[in-house]
Amino acid sequence: MRPARRSASGAVLDGRGPRESWRGATLRERRLALGLTTTSCATACDARESTWLRWESGSPPPATRLRAIVRVLGCTFDDLFVAEVRR
């Protein structure tokens, strides 16, 4: 049996329980609250500004960028995801 897939914060993504979704709006809210520009955030995460804007619009970033995002915005992984109950 294969091990269950997990999200960045460790939630099981097996289709039987809550699923976590990326919160791009939270990314934008945190950035604005800190007075940061999209360019400065993107540079700090080793990404292009267009990529950062895509993340803010709802496209989830690759797992390899999550630590940098959390560091730049001074938040936790859980702040960037929301649990959704599957029905």
PDB file of N, CA and C in Angstrom:
ATOM      1  N   MET A   1       0.837  -1.183   0.000  1.00  0.00           N
ATOM      2  CA  MET A   1       0.000   0.000   0.000  1.00  0.00           C
ATOM      3  C   MET A   1       0.879   1.242   0.000  1.00  0.00           C
ATOM      4  N   ARG A   2       0.545   2.201  -0.851  1.00  0.00           N
ATOM      5  CA  ARG A   2       1.302   3.447  -0.922  1.00  0.00           C
ATOM      6  C   ARG A   2       0.974   4.334   0.260  1.00  0.00           C
ATOM      7  N   PRO A   3       1.961   5.079   0.760  1.00  0.00           N
ATOM      8  CA  PRO A   3       1.672   6.026   1.839  1.00  0.00           C
ATOM      9  C   PRO A   3       0.796   7.160   1.315  1.00  0.00           C
ATOM     10  N   ALA A   4      -0.032   7.705   2.176  1.00  0.00           N
ATOM     11  CA  ALA A   4      -0.932   8.791   1.790  1.00  0.00           C
ATOM     12  C   ALA A   4      -0.130  10.038   1.441  1.00  0.00           C
ATOM     13  N   ARG A   5      -0.611  10.768   0.447  1.00  0.00           N
ATOM     14  CA  ARG A   5       0.001  12.064   0.114  1.00  0.00           C
ATOM     15  C   ARG A   5      -0.335  13.052   1.204  1.00  0.00           C
ATOM     16  N   ARG A   6       0.592  13.975   1.447  1.00  0.00           N
ATOM     17  CA  ARG A   6       0.380  14.984   2.483  1.00  0.00           C
ATOM     18  C   ARG A   6       0.607  16.381   1.918  1.00  0.00           C
ATOM     19  N   SER A   7      -0.120  17.338   2.484  1.00  0.00           N
ATOM     20  CA  SER A   7       0.072  18.733   2.098  1.00  0.00           C
ATOM     21  C   SER A   7       1.314  19.272   2.801  1.00  0.00           C
ATOM     22  N   ALA A   8       1.632  20.516   2.513  1.00  0.00           N
ATOM     23  CA  ALA A   8       2.814  21.144   3.109  1.00  0.00           C
ATOM     24  C   ALA A   8       2.743  21.174   4.633  1.00  0.00           C
ATOM     25  N   SER A   9       1.548  21.288   5.182  1.00  0.00           N
ATOM     26  CA  SER A   9       1.420  21.337   6.641  1.00  0.00           C
ATOM     27  C   SER A   9       1.164  19.968   7.252  1.00  0.00           C
ATOM     28  N   GLY A  10       1.183  18.913   6.426  1.00  0.00           N
ATOM     29  CA  GLY A  10       1.069  17.563   6.945  1.00  0.00           C
ATOM     30  C   GLY A  10      -0.305  16.928   6.882  1.00  0.00           C
ATOM     31  N   ALA A  11      -1.323  17.651   6.388  1.00  0.00           N
ATOM     32  CA  ALA A  11      -2.660  17.079   6.298  1.00  0.00           C
ATOM     33  C   ALA A  11      -2.688  15.987   5.227  1.00  0.00           C
ATOM     34  N   VAL A  12      -3.391  14.923   5.503  1.00  0.00           N
ATOM     35  CA  VAL A  12      -3.489  13.813   4.559  1.00  0.00           C
ATOM     36  C   VAL A  12      -4.418  14.199   3.416  1.00  0.00           C
ATOM     37  N   LEU A  13      -3.950  13.973   2.196  1.00  0.00           N
ATOM     38  CA  LEU A  13      -4.734  14.293   1.002  1.00  0.00           C
ATOM     39  C   LEU A  13      -5.213  12.997   0.351  1.00  0.00           C
ATOM     40  N   ASP A  14      -6.030  12.250   1.071  1.00  0.00           N
ATOM     41  CA  ASP A  14      -6.456  10.944   0.576  1.00  0.00           C
ATOM     42  C   ASP A  14      -7.904  10.915   0.103  1.00  0.00           C
ATOM     43  N   GLY A  15      -8.576  12.054   0.099  1.00  0.00           N
ATOM     44  CA  GLY A  15      -9.940  12.119  -0.391  1.00  0.00           C
ATOM     45  C   GLY A  15     -10.987  11.713   0.626  1.00  0.00           C
ATOM     46  N   ARG A  16     -10.589  11.326   1.819  1.00  0.00           N
ATOM     47  CA  ARG A  16     -11.558  10.880   2.814  1.00  0.00           C
ATOM     48  C   ARG A  16     -11.784  11.895   3.927  1.00  0.00           C
ATOM     49  N   GLY A  17     -10.949  12.876   4.044  1.00  0.00           N
ATOM     50  CA  GLY A  17     -11.061  13.838   5.124  1.00  0.00           C
ATOM     51  C   GLY A  17     -10.918  15.249   4.598  1.00  0.00           C
ATOM     52  N   PRO A  18     -10.568  16.173   5.474  1.00  0.00           N
ATOM     53  CA  PRO A  18     -10.394  17.541   5.012  1.00  0.00           C
ATOM     54  C   PRO A  18      -9.246  17.640   4.010  1.00  0.00           C
ATOM     55  N   ARG A  19      -9.380  18.540   3.113  1.00  0.00           N
ATOM     56  CA  ARG A  19      -8.339  18.816   2.142  1.00  0.00           C
ATOM     57  C   ARG A  19      -7.917  20.262   2.351  1.00  0.00           C
ATOM     58  N   GLU A  20      -6.656  20.545   2.174  1.00  0.00           N
ATOM     59  CA  GLU A  20      -6.206  21.914   2.351  1.00  0.00           C
ATOM     60  C   GLU A  20      -6.047  22.596   1.010  1.00  0.00           C
ATOM     61  N   SER A  21      -6.517  23.824   0.925  1.00  0.00           N
ATOM     62  CA  SER A  21      -6.432  24.593  -0.307  1.00  0.00           C
ATOM     63  C   SER A  21      -5.583  25.832  -0.080  1.00  0.00           C
ATOM     64  N   TRP A  22      -4.891  26.218  -1.120  1.00  0.00           N
ATOM     65  CA  TRP A  22      -4.047  27.399  -1.108  1.00  0.00           C
ATOM     66  C   TRP A  22      -4.900  28.653  -0.988  1.00  0.00           C
ATOM     67  N   ARG A  23      -4.430  29.592  -0.168  1.00  0.00           N
ATOM     68  CA  ARG A  23      -5.143  30.852   0.026  1.00  0.00           C
ATOM     69  C   ARG A  23      -4.320  31.999  -0.541  1.00  0.00           C
ATOM     70  N   GLY A  24      -4.437  32.231  -1.814  1.00  0.00           N
ATOM     71  CA  GLY A  24      -3.693  33.308  -2.454  1.00  0.00           C
ATOM     72  C   GLY A  24      -4.040  34.675  -1.906  1.00  0.00           C
ATOM     73  N   ALA A  25      -5.314  34.870  -1.527  1.00  0.00           N
ATOM     74  CA  ALA A  25      -5.738  36.160  -0.979  1.00  0.00           C
ATOM     75  C   ALA A  25      -4.993  36.471   0.316  1.00  0.00           C
ATOM     76  N   THR A  26      -4.721  35.447   1.118  1.00  0.00           N
ATOM     77  CA  THR A  26      -3.979  35.648   2.352  1.00  0.00           C
ATOM     78  C   THR A  26      -2.566  36.109   2.054  1.00  0.00           C
ATOM     79  N   LEU A  27      -1.982  35.567   1.015  1.00  0.00           N
ATOM     80  CA  LEU A  27      -0.646  35.962   0.594  1.00  0.00           C
ATOM     81  C   LEU A  27      -0.622  37.462   0.308  1.00  0.00           C
ATOM     82  N   ARG A  28      -1.577  37.925  -0.449  1.00  0.00           N
ATOM     83  CA  ARG A  28      -1.665  39.351  -0.794  1.00  0.00           C
ATOM     84  C   ARG A  28      -1.917  40.204   0.452  1.00  0.00           C
ATOM     85  N   GLU A  29      -2.844  39.775   1.295  1.00  0.00           N
ATOM     86  CA  GLU A  29      -3.158  40.530   2.515  1.00  0.00           C
ATOM     87  C   GLU A  29      -1.931  40.687   3.411  1.00  0.00           C
ATOM     88  N   ARG A  30      -1.188  39.593   3.604  1.00  0.00           N
ATOM     89  CA  ARG A  30       0.021  39.636   4.444  1.00  0.00           C
ATOM     90  C   ARG A  30       1.062  40.571   3.842  1.00  0.00           C
ATOM     91  N   ARG A  31       1.256  40.472   2.532  1.00  0.00           N
ATOM     92  CA  ARG A  31       2.249  41.316   1.865  1.00  0.00           C
ATOM     93  C   ARG A  31       1.904  42.786   2.030  1.00  0.00           C
ATOM     94  N   LEU A  32       0.643  43.132   1.800  1.00  0.00           N
ATOM     95  CA  LEU A  32       0.222  44.529   1.919  1.00  0.00           C
ATOM     96  C   LEU A  32       0.331  45.031   3.356  1.00  0.00           C
ATOM     97  N   ALA A  33      -0.033  44.190   4.320  1.00  0.00           N
ATOM     98  CA  ALA A  33       0.050  44.577   5.726  1.00  0.00           C
ATOM     99  C   ALA A  33       1.492  44.878   6.143  1.00  0.00           C
ATOM    100  N   LEU A  34       2.437  44.185   5.520  1.00  0.00           N
ATOM    101  CA  LEU A  34       3.854  44.395   5.827  1.00  0.00           C
ATOM    102  C   LEU A  34       4.474  45.512   4.990  1.00  0.00           C
ATOM    103  N   GLY A  35       3.704  46.054   4.051  1.00  0.00           N
ATOM    104  CA  GLY A  35       4.195  47.130   3.203  1.00  0.00           C
ATOM    105  C   GLY A  35       5.227  46.670   2.183  1.00  0.00           C
ATOM    106  N   LEU A  36       5.140  45.413   1.778  1.00  0.00           N
ATOM    107  CA  LEU A  36       6.097  44.849   0.824  1.00  0.00           C
ATOM    108  C   LEU A  36       5.544  44.929  -0.593  1.00  0.00           C
ATOM    109  N   THR A  37       6.432  45.004  -1.555  1.00  0.00           N
ATOM    110  CA  THR A  37       6.027  44.996  -2.957  1.00  0.00           C
ATOM    111  C   THR A  37       6.064  43.571  -3.495  1.00  0.00           C
ATOM    112  N   THR A  38       5.371  43.362  -4.594  1.00  0.00           N
ATOM    113  CA  THR A  38       5.413  42.040  -5.226  1.00  0.00           C
ATOM    114  C   THR A  38       6.828  41.722  -5.690  1.00  0.00           C
ATOM    115  N   THR A  39       7.537  42.737  -6.155  1.00  0.00           N
ATOM    116  CA  THR A  39       8.915  42.532  -6.623  1.00  0.00           C
ATOM    117  C   THR A  39       9.822  42.082  -5.490  1.00  0.00           C
ATOM    118  N   SER A  40       9.723  42.744  -4.329  1.00  0.00           N
ATOM    119  CA  SER A  40      10.600  42.370  -3.214  1.00  0.00           C
ATOM    120  C   SER A  40      10.287  40.968  -2.697  1.00  0.00           C
ATOM    121  N   CYS A  41       9.019  40.610  -2.648  1.00  0.00           N
ATOM    122  CA  CYS A  41       8.634  39.270  -2.193  1.00  0.00           C
ATOM    123  C   CYS A  41       9.113  38.207  -3.178  1.00  0.00           C
ATOM    124  N   ALA A  42       8.905  38.470  -4.448  1.00  0.00           N
ATOM    125  CA  ALA A  42       9.322  37.514  -5.474  1.00  0.00           C
ATOM    126  C   ALA A  42      10.836  37.315  -5.439  1.00  0.00           C
ATOM    127  N   THR A  43      11.571  38.388  -5.318  1.00  0.00           N
ATOM    128  CA  THR A  43      13.031  38.305  -5.269  1.00  0.00           C
ATOM    129  C   THR A  43      13.484  37.498  -4.055  1.00  0.00           C
ATOM    130  N   ALA A  44      12.857  37.743  -2.910  1.00  0.00           N
ATOM    131  CA  ALA A  44      13.222  37.023  -1.686  1.00  0.00           C
ATOM    132  C   ALA A  44      12.921  35.530  -1.787  1.00  0.00           C
ATOM    133  N   CYS A  45      11.971  35.168  -2.642  1.00  0.00           N
ATOM    134  CA  CYS A  45      11.600  33.763  -2.824  1.00  0.00           C
ATOM    135  C   CYS A  45      12.226  33.161  -4.078  1.00  0.00           C
ATOM    136  N   ASP A  46      13.136  33.889  -4.685  1.00  0.00           N
ATOM    137  CA  ASP A  46      13.812  33.428  -5.895  1.00  0.00           C
ATOM    138  C   ASP A  46      12.803  33.075  -6.997  1.00  0.00           C
ATOM    139  N   ALA A  47      11.856  33.997  -7.194  1.00  0.00           N
ATOM    140  CA  ALA A  47      10.821  33.808  -8.217  1.00  0.00           C
ATOM    141  C   ALA A  47      10.670  35.115  -8.996  1.00  0.00           C
ATOM    142  N   ARG A  48       9.976  35.051 -10.098  1.00  0.00           N
ATOM    143  CA  ARG A  48       9.675  36.253 -10.878  1.00  0.00           C
ATOM    144  C   ARG A  48       8.434  36.930 -10.296  1.00  0.00           C
ATOM    145  N   GLU A  49       8.313  38.222 -10.549  1.00  0.00           N
ATOM    146  CA  GLU A  49       7.147  38.958 -10.063  1.00  0.00           C
ATOM    147  C   GLU A  49       5.857  38.372 -10.634  1.00  0.00           C
ATOM    148  N   SER A  50       5.875  37.975 -11.893  1.00  0.00           N
ATOM    149  CA  SER A  50       4.675  37.393 -12.516  1.00  0.00           C
ATOM    150  C   SER A  50       4.279  36.094 -11.811  1.00  0.00           C
ATOM    151  N   THR A  51       5.281  35.357 -11.335  1.00  0.00           N
ATOM    152  CA  THR A  51       5.010  34.113 -10.606  1.00  0.00           C
ATOM    153  C   THR A  51       4.365  34.434  -9.268  1.00  0.00           C
ATOM    154  N   TRP A  52       4.910  35.427  -8.569  1.00  0.00           N
ATOM    155  CA  TRP A  52       4.331  35.832  -7.277  1.00  0.00           C
ATOM    156  C   TRP A  52       2.881  36.259  -7.471  1.00  0.00           C
ATOM    157  N   LEU A  53       2.601  37.042  -8.493  1.00  0.00           N
ATOM    158  CA  LEU A  53       1.235  37.488  -8.758  1.00  0.00           C
ATOM    159  C   LEU A  53       0.311  36.311  -9.052  1.00  0.00           C
ATOM    160  N   ARG A  54       0.813  35.293  -9.725  1.00  0.00           N
ATOM    161  CA  ARG A  54       0.026  34.087  -9.980  1.00  0.00           C
ATOM    162  C   ARG A  54      -0.315  33.389  -8.666  1.00  0.00           C
ATOM    163  N   TRP A  55       0.653  33.344  -7.731  1.00  0.00           N
ATOM    164  CA  TRP A  55       0.400  32.737  -6.420  1.00  0.00           C
ATOM    165  C   TRP A  55      -0.667  33.523  -5.664  1.00  0.00           C
ATOM    166  N   GLU A  56      -0.593  34.853  -5.745  1.00  0.00           N
ATOM    167  CA  GLU A  56      -1.597  35.684  -5.077  1.00  0.00           C
ATOM    168  C   GLU A  56      -2.977  35.492  -5.697  1.00  0.00           C
ATOM    169  N   SER A  57      -3.012  35.132  -6.969  1.00  0.00           N
ATOM    170  CA  SER A  57      -4.291  34.934  -7.665  1.00  0.00           C
ATOM    171  C   SER A  57      -4.907  33.567  -7.405  1.00  0.00           C
ATOM    172  N   GLY A  58      -4.179  32.704  -6.691  1.00  0.00           N
ATOM    173  CA  GLY A  58      -4.758  31.423  -6.330  1.00  0.00           C
ATOM    174  C   GLY A  58      -4.011  30.193  -6.795  1.00  0.00           C
ATOM    175  N   SER A  59      -3.041  30.343  -7.673  1.00  0.00           N
ATOM    176  CA  SER A  59      -2.247  29.175  -8.085  1.00  0.00           C
ATOM    177  C   SER A  59      -1.276  28.822  -6.965  1.00  0.00           C
ATOM    178  N   PRO A  60      -1.291  27.602  -6.491  1.00  0.00           N
ATOM    179  CA  PRO A  60      -0.389  27.253  -5.394  1.00  0.00           C
ATOM    180  C   PRO A  60       1.065  27.210  -5.843  1.00  0.00           C
ATOM    181  N   PRO A  61       1.967  27.689  -5.003  1.00  0.00           N
ATOM    182  CA  PRO A  61       3.388  27.632  -5.342  1.00  0.00           C
ATOM    183  C   PRO A  61       3.918  26.211  -5.172  1.00  0.00           C
ATOM    184  N   PRO A  62       5.061  25.920  -5.767  1.00  0.00           N
ATOM    185  CA  PRO A  62       5.655  24.601  -5.541  1.00  0.00           C
ATOM    186  C   PRO A  62       6.099  24.489  -4.085  1.00  0.00           C
ATOM    187  N   ALA A  63       6.098  23.287  -3.585  1.00  0.00           N
ATOM    188  CA  ALA A  63       6.471  23.053  -2.187  1.00  0.00           C
ATOM    189  C   ALA A  63       7.858  23.594  -1.876  1.00  0.00           C
ATOM    190  N   THR A  64       8.725  23.638  -2.880  1.00  0.00           N
ATOM    191  CA  THR A  64      10.092  24.117  -2.665  1.00  0.00           C
ATOM    192  C   THR A  64      10.146  25.611  -2.336  1.00  0.00           C
ATOM    193  N   ARG A  65       9.072  26.338  -2.594  1.00  0.00           N
ATOM    194  CA  ARG A  65       9.039  27.784  -2.315  1.00  0.00           C
ATOM    195  C   ARG A  65       8.305  28.132  -1.017  1.00  0.00           C
ATOM    196  N   LEU A  66       7.599  27.186  -0.438  1.00  0.00           N
ATOM    197  CA  LEU A  66       6.776  27.502   0.728  1.00  0.00           C
ATOM    198  C   LEU A  66       7.577  28.036   1.913  1.00  0.00           C
ATOM    199  N   ARG A  67       8.717  27.453   2.194  1.00  0.00           N
ATOM    200  CA  ARG A  67       9.524  27.939   3.333  1.00  0.00           C
ATOM    201  C   ARG A  67       9.940  29.393   3.134  1.00  0.00           C
ATOM    202  N   ALA A  68      10.333  29.732   1.924  1.00  0.00           N
ATOM    203  CA  ALA A  68      10.738  31.112   1.632  1.00  0.00           C
ATOM    204  C   ALA A  68       9.556  32.067   1.802  1.00  0.00           C
ATOM    205  N   ILE A  69       8.376  31.660   1.354  1.00  0.00           N
ATOM    206  CA  ILE A  69       7.181  32.494   1.486  1.00  0.00           C
ATOM    207  C   ILE A  69       6.858  32.733   2.953  1.00  0.00           C
ATOM    208  N   VAL A  70       6.896  31.674   3.741  1.00  0.00           N
ATOM    209  CA  VAL A  70       6.616  31.782   5.175  1.00  0.00           C
ATOM    210  C   VAL A  70       7.632  32.719   5.841  1.00  0.00           C
ATOM    211  N   ARG A  71       8.885  32.586   5.464  1.00  0.00           N
ATOM    212  CA  ARG A  71       9.938  33.428   6.040  1.00  0.00           C
ATOM    213  C   ARG A  71       9.722  34.900   5.673  1.00  0.00           C
ATOM    214  N   VAL A  72       9.434  35.168   4.412  1.00  0.00           N
ATOM    215  CA  VAL A  72       9.253  36.543   3.941  1.00  0.00           C
ATOM    216  C   VAL A  72       8.047  37.204   4.612  1.00  0.00           C
ATOM    217  N   LEU A  73       6.968  36.456   4.742  1.00  0.00           N
ATOM    218  CA  LEU A  73       5.733  37.029   5.280  1.00  0.00           C
ATOM    219  C   LEU A  73       5.595  36.893   6.797  1.00  0.00           C
ATOM    220  N   GLY A  74       6.512  36.177   7.432  1.00  0.00           N
ATOM    221  CA  GLY A  74       6.457  36.033   8.888  1.00  0.00           C
ATOM    222  C   GLY A  74       5.197  35.341   9.360  1.00  0.00           C
ATOM    223  N   CYS A  75       4.816  34.278   8.680  1.00  0.00           N
ATOM    224  CA  CYS A  75       3.596  33.557   9.037  1.00  0.00           C
ATOM    225  C   CYS A  75       3.902  32.070   9.133  1.00  0.00           C
ATOM    226  N   THR A  76       2.866  31.262   9.304  1.00  0.00           N
ATOM    227  CA  THR A  76       3.028  29.815   9.364  1.00  0.00           C
ATOM    228  C   THR A  76       2.461  29.197   8.088  1.00  0.00           C
ATOM    229  N   PHE A  77       2.776  27.918   7.870  1.00  0.00           N
ATOM    230  CA  PHE A  77       2.199  27.203   6.734  1.00  0.00           C
ATOM    231  C   PHE A  77       0.676  27.203   6.829  1.00  0.00           C
ATOM    232  N   ASP A  78       0.166  27.000   8.029  1.00  0.00           N
ATOM    233  CA  ASP A  78      -1.288  26.928   8.209  1.00  0.00           C
ATOM    234  C   ASP A  78      -1.979  28.239   7.862  1.00  0.00           C
ATOM    235  N   ASP A  79      -1.270  29.373   8.004  1.00  0.00           N
ATOM    236  CA  ASP A  79      -1.859  30.660   7.636  1.00  0.00           C
ATOM    237  C   ASP A  79      -2.137  30.732   6.140  1.00  0.00           C
ATOM    238  N   LEU A  80      -1.401  29.978   5.361  1.00  0.00           N
ATOM    239  CA  LEU A  80      -1.502  30.054   3.903  1.00  0.00           C
ATOM    240  C   LEU A  80      -2.437  29.025   3.289  1.00  0.00           C
ATOM    241  N   PHE A  81      -2.965  28.136   4.113  1.00  0.00           N
ATOM    242  CA  PHE A  81      -3.871  27.096   3.618  1.00  0.00           C
ATOM    243  C   PHE A  81      -5.147  27.100   4.442  1.00  0.00           C
ATOM    244  N   VAL A  82      -6.236  26.632   3.847  1.00  0.00           N
ATOM    245  CA  VAL A  82      -7.507  26.505   4.542  1.00  0.00           C
ATOM    246  C   VAL A  82      -8.022  25.092   4.329  1.00  0.00           C
ATOM    247  N   ALA A  83      -8.497  24.483   5.399  1.00  0.00           N
ATOM    248  CA  ALA A  83      -9.025  23.116   5.304  1.00  0.00           C
ATOM    249  C   ALA A  83     -10.432  23.161   4.731  1.00  0.00           C
ATOM    250  N   GLU A  84     -10.700  22.270   3.785  1.00  0.00           N
ATOM    251  CA  GLU A  84     -12.023  22.139   3.198  1.00  0.00           C
ATOM    252  C   GLU A  84     -12.517  20.732   3.458  1.00  0.00           C
ATOM    253  N   VAL A  85     -13.733  20.602   3.935  1.00  0.00           N
ATOM    254  CA  VAL A  85     -14.296  19.282   4.193  1.00  0.00           C
ATOM    255  C   VAL A  85     -14.876  18.752   2.890  1.00  0.00           C
ATOM    256  N   ARG A  86     -14.453  17.561   2.506  1.00  0.00           N
ATOM    257  CA  ARG A  86     -14.989  16.919   1.295  1.00  0.00           C
ATOM    258  C   ARG A  86     -16.303  16.244   1.612  1.00  0.00           C
ATOM    259  N   ARG A  87     -17.217  16.344   0.709  1.00  0.00           N
ATOM    260  CA  ARG A  87     -18.528  15.706   0.900  1.00  0.00           C
ATOM    261  C   ARG A  87     -18.712  14.617  -0.100  1.00  0.00           C
TER     262      ARG A  87
END
